[in-house]
Amino acid sequence: MNAMDTKRRAAIIRALVDGVGIRATCRITGASKGAVTKLIAELGPACAAYMDKAFQGLTCRTLEVDEIWAFCYAKAKNVPADMRGTFGVGDVWTFTAIDAETKLMPSFMVGSRDGGTATEFMQDLAGRLVNRVQLTTDGHKMYLGAVEDAFQGEIDYAQLVKNYANLPTGPETRYSPAVCTGCEKHLISGDPESRKISTSYIERSNLSIRMGLRRYTRLTNGHSKKLENHCAALAIYFMHYNFAKVHSTIRCSPAMAAGVDSHLWSVEEIVKLLPVEAPKKRGPYKKKVA
């Protein structure tokens, strides 16, 4: 099978990061479902490796962290009995961080919503920073030990705990968001600045993820079927977000605002991160004799 050229691959990636599903992308670009899936599986790890190398020695000052829910293969209640407890089948959580000033998202991690994943994520985030930062998370208890283990107290850390009203049960309110009735700022360590204690940016980025990745759209069958493809699609999304998308408030890409890169990437440049494949050798054949 002939390999797709860069222009066609870029068209596929451009559609995927704009929230188009795989089947619709196939109809738009004329590519097969297998070709699109193969492109995601190959480009995702290349994007993750590039960001891992590029996001070192960061000078972020104000960070927000949150986790966003999705599922792979099936929802937890529908997972077959012999597959229950298998990571990557059922609930899957993605931990993300955002710099409130540059809008850079320097780290993400897919895992379970527990202290182990939270600690590993925070350690990865701390290892990318060169200065003391102010950090805000929600009130989940897993963050208390995770932040302490990763930063060893060298951080200005606060939690923003939101209180929600109980909505009446019924079909009219089944899919309605909970109503926030108030917020409490809890100072955990260091000396966090009160006006910067917020999770607004990271919560808005959660919305962007759900709009930019079809597999995160609720109440559809566009969910990920394999964990590997789920992680690969996330890496492509964050690569495009950080390097190739102009943020409306900073008028450039987050990577440019953070001093990580000096120019706005094109989708074609992202596609060129793909490892170069060696040309396939044609096997011997016999000429048909009439």
C-alpha atoms as a PDB file:
ATOM      1  CA  MET A   1       0.000   0.000   0.000  1.00  0.00           C
ATOM      2  CA  ASN A   2       1.320   3.424  -0.935  1.00  0.00           C
ATOM      3  CA  ALA A   3       2.176   5.756   1.946  1.00  0.00           C
ATOM      4  CA  MET A   4       0.221   8.989   2.286  1.00  0.00           C
ATOM      5  CA  ASP A   5       2.022  12.231   1.575  1.00  0.00           C
ATOM      6  CA  THR A   6       2.525  14.932   4.202  1.00  0.00           C
ATOM      7  CA  LYS A   7      -0.310  17.090   2.899  1.00  0.00           C
ATOM      8  CA  ARG A   8      -2.877  14.339   3.276  1.00  0.00           C
ATOM      9  CA  ARG A   9      -1.597  13.324   6.699  1.00  0.00           C
ATOM     10  CA  ALA A  10      -1.826  16.968   7.792  1.00  0.00           C
ATOM     11  CA  ALA A  11      -5.441  17.120   6.590  1.00  0.00           C
ATOM     12  CA  ILE A  12      -6.244  14.080   8.736  1.00  0.00           C
ATOM     13  CA  ILE A  13      -4.569  15.500  11.847  1.00  0.00           C
ATOM     14  CA  ARG A  14      -6.191  18.895  11.307  1.00  0.00           C
ATOM     15  CA  ALA A  15      -9.601  17.262  11.276  1.00  0.00           C
ATOM     16  CA  LEU A  16      -8.905  15.113  14.335  1.00  0.00           C
ATOM     17  CA  VAL A  17      -7.728  18.013  16.531  1.00  0.00           C
ATOM     18  CA  ASP A  18     -10.819  19.992  15.545  1.00  0.00           C
ATOM     19  CA  GLY A  19     -13.096  17.415  17.121  1.00  0.00           C
ATOM     20  CA  VAL A  20     -13.915  15.350  14.032  1.00  0.00           C
ATOM     21  CA  GLY A  21     -14.364  11.620  14.583  1.00  0.00           C
ATOM     22  CA  ILE A  22     -12.339   8.969  12.777  1.00  0.00           C
ATOM     23  CA  ARG A  23     -15.151   7.877  10.453  1.00  0.00           C
ATOM     24  CA  ALA A  24     -15.999  11.453   9.513  1.00  0.00           C
ATOM     25  CA  THR A  25     -12.291  12.136   8.947  1.00  0.00           C
ATOM     26  CA  CYS A  26     -12.219   9.190   6.567  1.00  0.00           C
ATOM     27  CA  ARG A  27     -15.139  10.630   4.618  1.00  0.00           C
ATOM     28  CA  ILE A  28     -13.532  14.084   4.478  1.00  0.00           C
ATOM     29  CA  THR A  29     -10.034  13.005   3.464  1.00  0.00           C
ATOM     30  CA  GLY A  30     -10.754   9.795   1.592  1.00  0.00           C
ATOM     31  CA  ALA A  31      -8.390   7.818   3.820  1.00  0.00           C
ATOM     32  CA  SER A  32      -9.299   4.407   5.184  1.00  0.00           C
ATOM     33  CA  LYS A  33     -10.106   3.885   8.847  1.00  0.00           C
ATOM     34  CA  GLY A  34      -7.036   1.693   9.230  1.00  0.00           C
ATOM     35  CA  ALA A  35      -4.791   4.383   7.746  1.00  0.00           C
ATOM     36  CA  VAL A  36      -6.158   7.051  10.101  1.00  0.00           C
ATOM     37  CA  THR A  37      -5.791   4.799  13.139  1.00  0.00           C
ATOM     38  CA  LYS A  38      -2.264   3.839  12.095  1.00  0.00           C
ATOM     39  CA  LEU A  39      -1.328   7.516  11.718  1.00  0.00           C
ATOM     40  CA  ILE A  40      -2.602   8.281  15.229  1.00  0.00           C
ATOM     41  CA  ALA A  41      -0.746   5.314  16.718  1.00  0.00           C
ATOM     42  CA  GLU A  42       2.546   6.311  15.071  1.00  0.00           C
ATOM     43  CA  LEU A  43       2.408  10.098  15.423  1.00  0.00           C
ATOM     44  CA  GLY A  44       1.203  10.113  19.047  1.00  0.00           C
ATOM     45  CA  PRO A  45       4.373   8.643  20.598  1.00  0.00           C
ATOM     46  CA  ALA A  46       6.528  10.937  18.421  1.00  0.00           C
ATOM     47  CA  CYS A  47       4.639  13.986  19.710  1.00  0.00           C
ATOM     48  CA  ALA A  48       4.899  12.776  23.307  1.00  0.00           C
ATOM     49  CA  ALA A  49       8.652  12.245  22.945  1.00  0.00           C
ATOM     50  CA  TYR A  50       9.155  15.700  21.440  1.00  0.00           C
ATOM     51  CA  MET A  51       7.194  17.448  24.217  1.00  0.00           C
ATOM     52  CA  ASP A  52       8.988  15.445  26.886  1.00  0.00           C
ATOM     53  CA  LYS A  53      12.299  16.744  25.554  1.00  0.00           C
ATOM     54  CA  ALA A  54      11.133  20.311  24.861  1.00  0.00           C
ATOM     55  CA  PHE A  55       9.373  20.953  28.174  1.00  0.00           C
ATOM     56  CA  GLN A  56      12.417  21.069  30.433  1.00  0.00           C
ATOM     57  CA  GLY A  57      13.736  23.968  32.505  1.00  0.00           C
ATOM     58  CA  LEU A  58      10.382  25.769  32.447  1.00  0.00           C
ATOM     59  CA  THR A  59       9.953  29.070  34.296  1.00  0.00           C
ATOM     60  CA  CYS A  60       6.211  28.837  34.939  1.00  0.00           C
ATOM     61  CA  ARG A  61       5.017  30.765  37.988  1.00  0.00           C
ATOM     62  CA  THR A  62       1.303  29.990  38.392  1.00  0.00           C
ATOM     63  CA  LEU A  63       0.005  26.493  37.678  1.00  0.00           C
ATOM     64  CA  GLU A  64      -3.401  24.868  37.876  1.00  0.00           C
ATOM     65  CA  VAL A  65      -3.966  21.097  37.908  1.00  0.00           C
ATOM     66  CA  ASP A  66      -7.065  18.982  37.377  1.00  0.00           C
ATOM     67  CA  GLU A  67      -8.136  15.577  36.086  1.00  0.00           C
ATOM     68  CA  ILE A  68     -10.644  14.817  33.335  1.00  0.00           C
ATOM     69  CA  TRP A  69     -12.676  11.621  32.974  1.00  0.00           C
ATOM     70  CA  ALA A  70     -13.094   9.371  29.953  1.00  0.00           C
ATOM     71  CA  PHE A  71     -13.465   5.659  29.355  1.00  0.00           C
ATOM     72  CA  CYS A  72     -11.903   3.040  27.102  1.00  0.00           C
ATOM     73  CA  TYR A  73     -13.503  -0.055  25.591  1.00  0.00           C
ATOM     74  CA  ALA A  74     -16.698   0.329  27.653  1.00  0.00           C
ATOM     75  CA  LYS A  75     -18.113   2.223  30.585  1.00  0.00           C
ATOM     76  CA  ALA A  76     -17.232   0.722  33.936  1.00  0.00           C
ATOM     77  CA  LYS A  77     -20.719  -0.707  34.475  1.00  0.00           C
ATOM     78  CA  ASN A  78     -20.586  -2.511  31.110  1.00  0.00           C
ATOM     79  CA  VAL A  79     -17.112  -4.028  31.401  1.00  0.00           C
ATOM     80  CA  PRO A  80     -17.252  -7.857  31.154  1.00  0.00           C
ATOM     81  CA  ALA A  81     -16.588  -9.679  34.401  1.00  0.00           C
ATOM     82  CA  ASP A  82     -13.348 -11.257  33.150  1.00  0.00           C
ATOM     83  CA  MET A  83     -11.940  -7.829  32.224  1.00  0.00           C
ATOM     84  CA  ARG A  84     -12.839  -5.906  35.377  1.00  0.00           C
ATOM     85  CA  GLY A  85      -9.862  -4.479  37.213  1.00  0.00           C
ATOM     86  CA  THR A  86      -7.794  -4.330  34.011  1.00  0.00           C
ATOM     87  CA  PHE A  87      -6.260  -0.890  33.538  1.00  0.00           C
ATOM     88  CA  GLY A  88      -7.331   0.665  30.268  1.00  0.00           C
ATOM     89  CA  VAL A  89     -10.740  -0.965  30.343  1.00  0.00           C
ATOM     90  CA  GLY A  90     -13.463   1.193  31.835  1.00  0.00           C
ATOM     91  CA  ASP A  91     -12.778   4.500  33.592  1.00  0.00           C
ATOM     92  CA  VAL A  92      -9.640   6.345  32.510  1.00  0.00           C
ATOM     93  CA  TRP A  93      -8.529   9.676  33.964  1.00  0.00           C
ATOM     94  CA  THR A  94      -6.165  12.218  32.421  1.00  0.00           C
ATOM     95  CA  PHE A  95      -4.231  14.520  34.749  1.00  0.00           C
ATOM     96  CA  THR A  96      -3.341  17.870  33.167  1.00  0.00           C
ATOM     97  CA  ALA A  97      -1.574  21.077  34.187  1.00  0.00           C
ATOM     98  CA  ILE A  98      -1.750  24.569  32.701  1.00  0.00           C
ATOM     99  CA  ASP A  99       0.313  27.708  33.197  1.00  0.00           C
ATOM    100  CA  ALA A 100      -2.159  30.497  33.951  1.00  0.00           C
ATOM    101  CA  GLU A 101       0.071  33.125  32.322  1.00  0.00           C
ATOM    102  CA  THR A 102       1.333  31.503  29.107  1.00  0.00           C
ATOM    103  CA  LYS A 103      -1.478  28.904  28.802  1.00  0.00           C
ATOM    104  CA  LEU A 104       1.181  26.229  28.252  1.00  0.00           C
ATOM    105  CA  MET A 105       0.139  22.694  29.184  1.00  0.00           C
ATOM    106  CA  PRO A 106       3.529  21.184  30.077  1.00  0.00           C
ATOM    107  CA  SER A 107       2.476  17.799  31.388  1.00  0.00           C
ATOM    108  CA  PHE A 108      -0.313  15.236  31.123  1.00  0.00           C
ATOM    109  CA  MET A 109      -0.673  11.689  32.375  1.00  0.00           C
ATOM    110  CA  VAL A 110      -3.273   8.986  31.797  1.00  0.00           C
ATOM    111  CA  GLY A 111      -4.058   6.693  34.689  1.00  0.00           C
ATOM    112  CA  SER A 112      -6.412   5.933  37.544  1.00  0.00           C
ATOM    113  CA  ARG A 113      -7.866   8.596  39.796  1.00  0.00           C
ATOM    114  CA  ASP A 114      -5.753   7.675  42.803  1.00  0.00           C
ATOM    115  CA  GLY A 115      -2.782   8.812  44.839  1.00  0.00           C
ATOM    116  CA  GLY A 116      -0.286   6.745  42.857  1.00  0.00           C
ATOM    117  CA  THR A 117      -1.055   8.354  39.517  1.00  0.00           C
ATOM    118  CA  ALA A 118      -1.382  11.795  41.129  1.00  0.00           C
ATOM    119  CA  THR A 119       2.052  11.438  42.743  1.00  0.00           C
ATOM    120  CA  GLU A 120       3.701  10.267  39.527  1.00  0.00           C
ATOM    121  CA  PHE A 121       2.103  13.132  37.636  1.00  0.00           C
ATOM    122  CA  MET A 122       3.213  15.735  40.177  1.00  0.00           C
ATOM    123  CA  GLN A 123       6.753  14.365  40.156  1.00  0.00           C
ATOM    124  CA  ASP A 124       6.852  14.669  36.382  1.00  0.00           C
ATOM    125  CA  LEU A 125       5.540  18.229  36.582  1.00  0.00           C
ATOM    126  CA  ALA A 126       8.003  19.242  39.326  1.00  0.00           C
ATOM    127  CA  GLY A 127      10.916  17.838  37.320  1.00  0.00           C
ATOM    128  CA  ARG A 128      10.182  20.244  34.465  1.00  0.00           C
ATOM    129  CA  LEU A 129      10.331  23.411  36.588  1.00  0.00           C
ATOM    130  CA  VAL A 130      13.352  25.463  37.622  1.00  0.00           C
ATOM    131  CA  ASN A 131      11.727  27.876  40.065  1.00  0.00           C
ATOM    132  CA  ARG A 132       9.210  27.964  42.871  1.00  0.00           C
ATOM    133  CA  VAL A 133       5.620  28.047  41.661  1.00  0.00           C
ATOM    134  CA  GLN A 134       2.135  28.673  42.988  1.00  0.00           C
ATOM    135  CA  LEU A 135      -0.129  25.686  42.436  1.00  0.00           C
ATOM    136  CA  THR A 136      -3.898  25.309  42.726  1.00  0.00           C
ATOM    137  CA  THR A 137      -5.877  22.061  42.619  1.00  0.00           C
ATOM    138  CA  ASP A 138      -9.403  21.082  43.573  1.00  0.00           C
ATOM    139  CA  GLY A 139     -10.141  19.622  46.989  1.00  0.00           C
ATOM    140  CA  HIS A 140      -9.423  15.979  46.179  1.00  0.00           C
ATOM    141  CA  LYS A 141      -7.421  14.414  49.025  1.00  0.00           C
ATOM    142  CA  MET A 142      -5.039  12.558  46.703  1.00  0.00           C
ATOM    143  CA  TYR A 143      -3.335  15.849  45.814  1.00  0.00           C
ATOM    144  CA  LEU A 144      -2.222  16.538  49.397  1.00  0.00           C
ATOM    145  CA  GLY A 145       0.307  13.721  49.546  1.00  0.00           C
ATOM    146  CA  ALA A 146       1.162  13.929  45.847  1.00  0.00           C
ATOM    147  CA  VAL A 147       2.193  17.590  45.976  1.00  0.00           C
ATOM    148  CA  GLU A 148       4.195  17.099  49.170  1.00  0.00           C
ATOM    149  CA  ASP A 149       6.041  14.081  47.770  1.00  0.00           C
ATOM    150  CA  ALA A 150       6.873  15.861  44.500  1.00  0.00           C
ATOM    151  CA  PHE A 151       7.793  19.348  45.737  1.00  0.00           C
ATOM    152  CA  GLN A 152       8.972  18.598  49.288  1.00  0.00           C
ATOM    153  CA  GLY A 153       7.341  21.762  50.619  1.00  0.00           C
ATOM    154  CA  GLU A 154       9.126  24.038  48.108  1.00  0.00           C
ATOM    155  CA  ILE A 155       5.864  25.338  46.676  1.00  0.00           C
ATOM    156  CA  ASP A 156       3.043  27.766  47.360  1.00  0.00           C
ATOM    157  CA  TYR A 157       0.081  25.417  47.265  1.00  0.00           C
ATOM    158  CA  ALA A 158      -3.636  25.971  47.770  1.00  0.00           C
ATOM    159  CA  GLN A 159      -6.832  24.055  47.118  1.00  0.00           C
ATOM    160  CA  LEU A 160     -10.022  25.566  45.774  1.00  0.00           C
ATOM    161  CA  VAL A 161     -12.990  23.648  47.148  1.00  0.00           C
ATOM    162  CA  LYS A 162     -16.303  24.277  45.398  1.00  0.00           C
ATOM    163  CA  ASN A 163     -19.684  23.635  46.987  1.00  0.00           C
ATOM    164  CA  TYR A 164     -22.579  22.510  44.815  1.00  0.00           C
ATOM    165  CA  ALA A 165     -26.343  22.519  45.296  1.00  0.00           C
ATOM    166  CA  ASN A 166     -28.322  19.295  44.983  1.00  0.00           C
ATOM    167  CA  LEU A 167     -30.480  19.362  41.870  1.00  0.00           C
ATOM    168  CA  PRO A 168     -33.874  17.641  41.919  1.00  0.00           C
ATOM    169  CA  THR A 169     -33.765  14.261  40.225  1.00  0.00           C
ATOM    170  CA  GLY A 170     -35.700  13.784  37.020  1.00  0.00           C
ATOM    171  CA  PRO A 171     -35.331  13.628  33.239  1.00  0.00           C
ATOM    172  CA  GLU A 172     -35.228  17.431  32.993  1.00  0.00           C
ATOM    173  CA  THR A 173     -32.082  17.698  35.117  1.00  0.00           C
ATOM    174  CA  ARG A 174     -30.373  14.397  34.260  1.00  0.00           C
ATOM    175  CA  TYR A 175     -27.721  16.020  32.062  1.00  0.00           C
ATOM    176  CA  SER A 176     -27.710  19.450  33.684  1.00  0.00           C
ATOM    177  CA  PRO A 177     -24.463  20.612  35.320  1.00  0.00           C
ATOM    178  CA  ALA A 178     -24.426  21.045  39.086  1.00  0.00           C
ATOM    179  CA  VAL A 179     -24.909  24.584  40.371  1.00  0.00           C
ATOM    180  CA  CYS A 180     -21.900  25.983  42.248  1.00  0.00           C
ATOM    181  CA  THR A 181     -23.053  27.769  45.408  1.00  0.00           C
ATOM    182  CA  GLY A 182     -19.668  28.929  46.694  1.00  0.00           C
ATOM    183  CA  CYS A 183     -15.899  28.420  46.823  1.00  0.00           C
ATOM    184  CA  GLU A 184     -13.500  27.977  49.718  1.00  0.00           C
ATOM    185  CA  LYS A 185      -9.768  28.696  49.456  1.00  0.00           C
ATOM    186  CA  HIS A 186      -7.650  26.384  51.595  1.00  0.00           C
ATOM    187  CA  LEU A 187      -3.992  27.328  52.050  1.00  0.00           C
ATOM    188  CA  ILE A 188      -1.981  24.101  52.221  1.00  0.00           C
ATOM    189  CA  SER A 189       1.695  25.091  52.134  1.00  0.00           C
ATOM    190  CA  GLY A 190       3.917  28.082  51.502  1.00  0.00           C
ATOM    191  CA  ASP A 191       2.445  31.520  50.935  1.00  0.00           C
ATOM    192  CA  PRO A 192       0.085  31.378  47.935  1.00  0.00           C
ATOM    193  CA  GLU A 193      -1.286  34.677  46.651  1.00  0.00           C
ATOM    194  CA  SER A 194      -5.033  34.715  47.255  1.00  0.00           C
ATOM    195  CA  ARG A 195      -6.044  36.338  43.948  1.00  0.00           C
ATOM    196  CA  LYS A 196      -4.198  33.624  42.008  1.00  0.00           C
ATOM    197  CA  ILE A 197      -5.940  30.724  43.737  1.00  0.00           C
ATOM    198  CA  SER A 198      -8.113  29.547  40.879  1.00  0.00           C
ATOM    199  CA  THR A 199      -8.925  26.526  38.710  1.00  0.00           C
ATOM    200  CA  SER A 200     -10.738  28.491  35.990  1.00  0.00           C
ATOM    201  CA  TYR A 201      -8.073  28.031  33.318  1.00  0.00           C
ATOM    202  CA  ILE A 202      -7.654  24.298  33.816  1.00  0.00           C
ATOM    203  CA  GLU A 203     -11.420  23.772  33.841  1.00  0.00           C
ATOM    204  CA  ARG A 204     -11.701  25.754  30.613  1.00  0.00           C
ATOM    205  CA  SER A 205      -8.967  23.579  29.107  1.00  0.00           C
ATOM    206  CA  ASN A 206     -11.056  20.518  30.041  1.00  0.00           C
ATOM    207  CA  LEU A 207     -13.813  21.951  27.859  1.00  0.00           C
ATOM    208  CA  SER A 208     -11.320  22.480  25.043  1.00  0.00           C
ATOM    209  CA  ILE A 209     -10.234  18.841  25.306  1.00  0.00           C
ATOM    210  CA  ARG A 210     -13.813  17.622  25.063  1.00  0.00           C
ATOM    211  CA  MET A 211     -14.416  19.880  22.062  1.00  0.00           C
ATOM    212  CA  GLY A 212     -11.111  19.083  20.348  1.00  0.00           C
ATOM    213  CA  LEU A 213     -11.071  15.300  20.833  1.00  0.00           C
ATOM    214  CA  ARG A 214     -14.089  13.383  19.621  1.00  0.00           C
ATOM    215  CA  ARG A 215     -13.275  10.454  21.897  1.00  0.00           C
ATOM    216  CA  TYR A 216     -13.919  12.748  24.905  1.00  0.00           C
ATOM    217  CA  THR A 217     -17.403  13.787  23.770  1.00  0.00           C
ATOM    218  CA  ARG A 218     -20.004  12.543  26.212  1.00  0.00           C
ATOM    219  CA  LEU A 219     -23.009  10.375  25.263  1.00  0.00           C
ATOM    220  CA  THR A 220     -21.582   9.162  21.954  1.00  0.00           C
ATOM    221  CA  ASN A 221     -19.942   5.983  20.661  1.00  0.00           C
ATOM    222  CA  GLY A 222     -16.799   7.924  19.734  1.00  0.00           C
ATOM    223  CA  HIS A 223     -14.905   6.705  22.795  1.00  0.00           C
ATOM    224  CA  SER A 224     -11.479   5.068  22.613  1.00  0.00           C
ATOM    225  CA  LYS A 225     -11.446   1.334  22.130  1.00  0.00           C
ATOM    226  CA  LYS A 226      -7.758   0.872  23.025  1.00  0.00           C
ATOM    227  CA  LEU A 227      -5.749   2.661  25.698  1.00  0.00           C
ATOM    228  CA  GLU A 228      -2.711   3.016  23.409  1.00  0.00           C
ATOM    229  CA  ASN A 229      -4.740   4.905  20.802  1.00  0.00           C
ATOM    230  CA  HIS A 230      -6.321   7.012  23.552  1.00  0.00           C
ATOM    231  CA  CYS A 231      -2.909   8.150  24.802  1.00  0.00           C
ATOM    232  CA  ALA A 232      -1.632   8.712  21.260  1.00  0.00           C
ATOM    233  CA  ALA A 233      -4.603  10.928  20.368  1.00  0.00           C
ATOM    234  CA  LEU A 234      -4.037  12.958  23.535  1.00  0.00           C
ATOM    235  CA  ALA A 235      -0.375  13.505  22.685  1.00  0.00           C
ATOM    236  CA  ILE A 236      -1.283  14.765  19.211  1.00  0.00           C
ATOM    237  CA  TYR A 237      -3.891  17.097  20.694  1.00  0.00           C
ATOM    238  CA  PHE A 238      -1.465  18.604  23.226  1.00  0.00           C
ATOM    239  CA  MET A 239       1.254  18.947  20.588  1.00  0.00           C
ATOM    240  CA  HIS A 240      -1.130  20.905  18.369  1.00  0.00           C
ATOM    241  CA  TYR A 241      -2.447  22.949  21.305  1.00  0.00           C
ATOM    242  CA  ASN A 242       0.998  23.920  22.603  1.00  0.00           C
ATOM    243  CA  PHE A 243       2.830  24.523  19.339  1.00  0.00           C
ATOM    244  CA  ALA A 244       0.390  25.067  16.466  1.00  0.00           C
ATOM    245  CA  LYS A 245      -2.636  26.845  17.910  1.00  0.00           C
ATOM    246  CA  VAL A 246      -2.845  30.608  18.492  1.00  0.00           C
ATOM    247  CA  HIS A 247      -4.383  31.285  21.900  1.00  0.00           C
ATOM    248  CA  SER A 248      -6.869  34.144  21.746  1.00  0.00           C
ATOM    249  CA  THR A 249      -5.592  35.914  24.875  1.00  0.00           C
ATOM    250  CA  ILE A 250      -1.850  35.783  24.206  1.00  0.00           C
ATOM    251  CA  ARG A 251      -1.989  36.109  20.376  1.00  0.00           C
ATOM    252  CA  CYS A 252       0.569  33.349  19.851  1.00  0.00           C
ATOM    253  CA  SER A 253       1.050  29.695  20.702  1.00  0.00           C
ATOM    254  CA  PRO A 254       1.574  28.748  24.367  1.00  0.00           C
ATOM    255  CA  ALA A 255       5.023  27.365  23.488  1.00  0.00           C
ATOM    256  CA  MET A 256       6.024  30.758  22.066  1.00  0.00           C
ATOM    257  CA  ALA A 257       4.663  32.603  25.109  1.00  0.00           C
ATOM    258  CA  ALA A 258       6.622  30.297  27.422  1.00  0.00           C
ATOM    259  CA  GLY A 259       9.856  30.730  25.444  1.00  0.00           C
ATOM    260  CA  VAL A 260       9.949  27.060  24.462  1.00  0.00           C
ATOM    261  CA  ASP A 261       9.802  27.790  20.720  1.00  0.00           C
ATOM    262  CA  SER A 262      10.221  30.855  18.536  1.00  0.00           C
ATOM    263  CA  HIS A 263       7.671  30.237  15.787  1.00  0.00           C
ATOM    264  CA  LEU A 264       4.149  28.985  15.225  1.00  0.00           C
ATOM    265  CA  TRP A 265       4.154  25.409  13.993  1.00  0.00           C
ATOM    266  CA  SER A 266       2.085  24.205  11.079  1.00  0.00           C
ATOM    267  CA  VAL A 267       0.290  20.872  11.128  1.00  0.00           C
ATOM    268  CA  GLU A 268       2.663  19.741   8.391  1.00  0.00           C
ATOM    269  CA  GLU A 269       5.592  20.273  10.782  1.00  0.00           C
ATOM    270  CA  ILE A 270       3.880  18.144  13.392  1.00  0.00           C
ATOM    271  CA  VAL A 271       3.362  15.379  10.855  1.00  0.00           C
ATOM    272  CA  LYS A 272       7.070  15.491  10.014  1.00  0.00           C
ATOM    273  CA  LEU A 273       7.808  14.269  13.547  1.00  0.00           C
ATOM    274  CA  LEU A 274       6.889  10.831  12.267  1.00  0.00           C
ATOM    275  CA  PRO A 275       9.884   8.493  12.182  1.00  0.00           C
ATOM    276  CA  VAL A 276      11.245   8.036   8.688  1.00  0.00           C
ATOM    277  CA  GLU A 277      10.364   4.622   7.343  1.00  0.00           C
ATOM    278  CA  ALA A 278      12.933   2.665   5.386  1.00  0.00           C
ATOM    279  CA  PRO A 279      11.803   2.021   1.830  1.00  0.00           C
ATOM    280  CA  LYS A 280      10.305  -1.406   1.409  1.00  0.00           C
ATOM    281  CA  LYS A 281      12.252  -3.763  -0.795  1.00  0.00           C
ATOM    282  CA  ARG A 282      10.339  -5.400  -3.548  1.00  0.00           C
ATOM    283  CA  GLY A 283      10.548  -9.148  -3.414  1.00  0.00           C
ATOM    284  CA  PRO A 284      11.634 -11.314  -6.328  1.00  0.00           C
ATOM    285  CA  TYR A 285       8.962 -12.271  -8.778  1.00  0.00           C
ATOM    286  CA  LYS A 286       8.667 -14.431 -11.845  1.00  0.00           C
ATOM    287  CA  LYS A 287       7.450 -13.053 -15.120  1.00  0.00           C
ATOM    288  CA  LYS A 288       4.357 -14.788 -16.277  1.00  0.00           C
ATOM    289  CA  VAL A 289       4.991 -16.795 -19.403  1.00  0.00           C
ATOM    290  CA  ALA A 290       2.170 -17.051 -21.882  1.00  0.00           C
END
